Protein backbone atom coordinates (compact mmCIF):
# COMPACT_ATOMS: atom_id res chain seq x y z
CA MET A 1 -4.94 7.68 -23.29
CA SER A 2 -1.81 5.63 -22.65
CA ILE A 3 -1.23 3.31 -19.72
CA MET A 4 1.27 5.84 -18.33
CA ASP A 5 -1.38 8.58 -18.48
CA ASP A 6 -3.75 6.26 -16.62
CA LYS A 7 -1.09 5.65 -13.97
CA GLN A 8 -0.34 9.33 -13.61
CA ASN A 9 -4.05 10.12 -13.19
CA ALA A 10 -4.41 7.32 -10.63
CA PHE A 11 -1.41 8.65 -8.71
CA ARG A 12 -2.91 12.16 -8.75
CA ARG A 13 -6.20 10.83 -7.37
CA MET A 14 -4.38 8.84 -4.67
CA VAL A 15 -2.34 11.88 -3.60
CA LYS A 16 -5.51 14.01 -3.51
CA ILE A 17 -7.31 11.46 -1.32
CA MET A 18 -4.38 11.21 1.11
CA ILE A 19 -4.03 14.99 1.43
CA SER A 20 -7.79 15.44 1.82
CA LYS A 21 -7.94 12.81 4.57
CA GLY A 22 -4.99 14.41 6.33
CA ASN A 23 -6.73 17.77 6.16
CA GLU A 24 -9.72 16.30 8.01
CA LEU A 25 -7.47 15.55 10.99
CA VAL A 26 -6.32 19.11 11.63
CA ASP A 27 -8.10 22.22 12.84
CA PRO A 28 -9.71 24.24 10.03
CA GLU A 29 -7.29 27.14 10.45
CA HIS A 30 -4.33 24.83 9.77
CA ARG A 31 -5.73 23.11 6.70
CA ILE A 32 -3.94 23.44 3.37
CA ASP A 33 -5.24 24.00 -0.15
CA VAL A 34 -5.60 20.44 -1.43
CA GLU A 35 -5.30 21.22 -5.16
CA GLU A 36 -2.27 23.42 -4.58
CA MET A 37 -0.54 20.64 -2.63
CA VAL A 38 -1.47 17.98 -5.20
CA ASN A 39 -0.04 20.15 -7.97
CA TRP A 40 3.15 20.65 -5.95
CA VAL A 41 3.54 16.89 -5.36
CA MET A 42 2.99 16.15 -9.04
CA ARG A 43 5.44 18.86 -10.10
CA GLU A 44 8.16 18.07 -7.54
CA ASN A 45 7.92 14.33 -8.11
CA ASN A 46 7.62 14.48 -11.87
CA THR A 47 9.84 11.48 -12.58
CA ALA A 48 8.02 9.38 -9.99
CA THR A 49 4.57 10.32 -11.32
CA LYS A 50 5.22 8.86 -14.75
CA GLY A 51 5.50 5.27 -13.59
CA THR A 52 8.20 2.82 -14.60
CA GLU A 53 8.53 -0.76 -15.72
CA TRP A 54 10.65 -3.55 -14.26
CA ASN A 55 10.86 -7.22 -15.13
CA GLY A 56 7.72 -6.96 -17.27
CA PHE A 57 5.66 -5.26 -14.53
CA HIS A 58 4.24 -1.76 -14.91
CA LEU A 59 4.84 -0.04 -11.59
CA LEU A 60 2.48 2.61 -10.33
CA PRO A 61 3.71 6.18 -10.22
CA GLY A 62 5.65 6.78 -7.06
CA PHE A 63 7.40 3.41 -7.24
CA ASP A 64 10.77 3.32 -8.92
CA ALA A 65 11.98 0.33 -10.93
CA ASP A 66 15.45 0.54 -9.37
CA THR A 67 13.93 0.26 -5.90
CA ALA A 68 11.85 -2.77 -6.90
CA LYS A 69 14.93 -4.43 -8.40
CA HIS A 70 17.04 -3.72 -5.31
CA VAL A 71 14.41 -5.09 -2.92
CA TYR A 72 13.78 -8.16 -5.09
CA ASN A 73 17.49 -8.96 -5.24
CA ASN A 74 18.55 -7.95 -1.72
CA PHE A 75 15.63 -8.25 0.71
CA ASP A 76 16.45 -10.77 3.42
CA PRO A 77 13.71 -10.97 6.05
CA LYS A 78 14.75 -12.15 9.49
CA SER A 79 12.85 -14.64 11.62
CA GLY A 80 10.05 -12.81 13.39
CA ASP A 81 9.94 -9.89 10.95
CA VAL A 82 6.45 -8.52 10.34
CA LEU A 83 5.61 -6.94 6.99
CA VAL A 84 2.82 -4.38 6.88
CA ALA A 85 1.32 -3.47 3.51
CA THR A 86 -1.31 -0.88 2.77
CA TYR A 87 -3.34 -0.32 -0.36
CA VAL A 88 -5.52 2.60 -1.35
CA LYS A 89 -9.19 1.67 -1.56
CA THR A 90 -10.09 1.44 -5.25
CA GLY A 91 -13.80 0.73 -5.19
CA SER A 92 -16.97 1.07 -3.22
């Protein structure tokens, strides 16, 4: 299995977790079919699910190299700005 296959599988798992958690927050009659939605996300975001590379870094699926390049070259935080970062839990 290639590194891109690993990234695509990791992205699929991440999407499935996010959709499943979202489903827990709504009434049962409004819940969606998780696998159907995951398949839709993977299909509709096919280019994003393959992962890209920029500046020697392998980016996870869902993150585009052009976006990383733009932010790296153009991001100019202002005094008092607060950055919030989240990361999917990857272990126990």
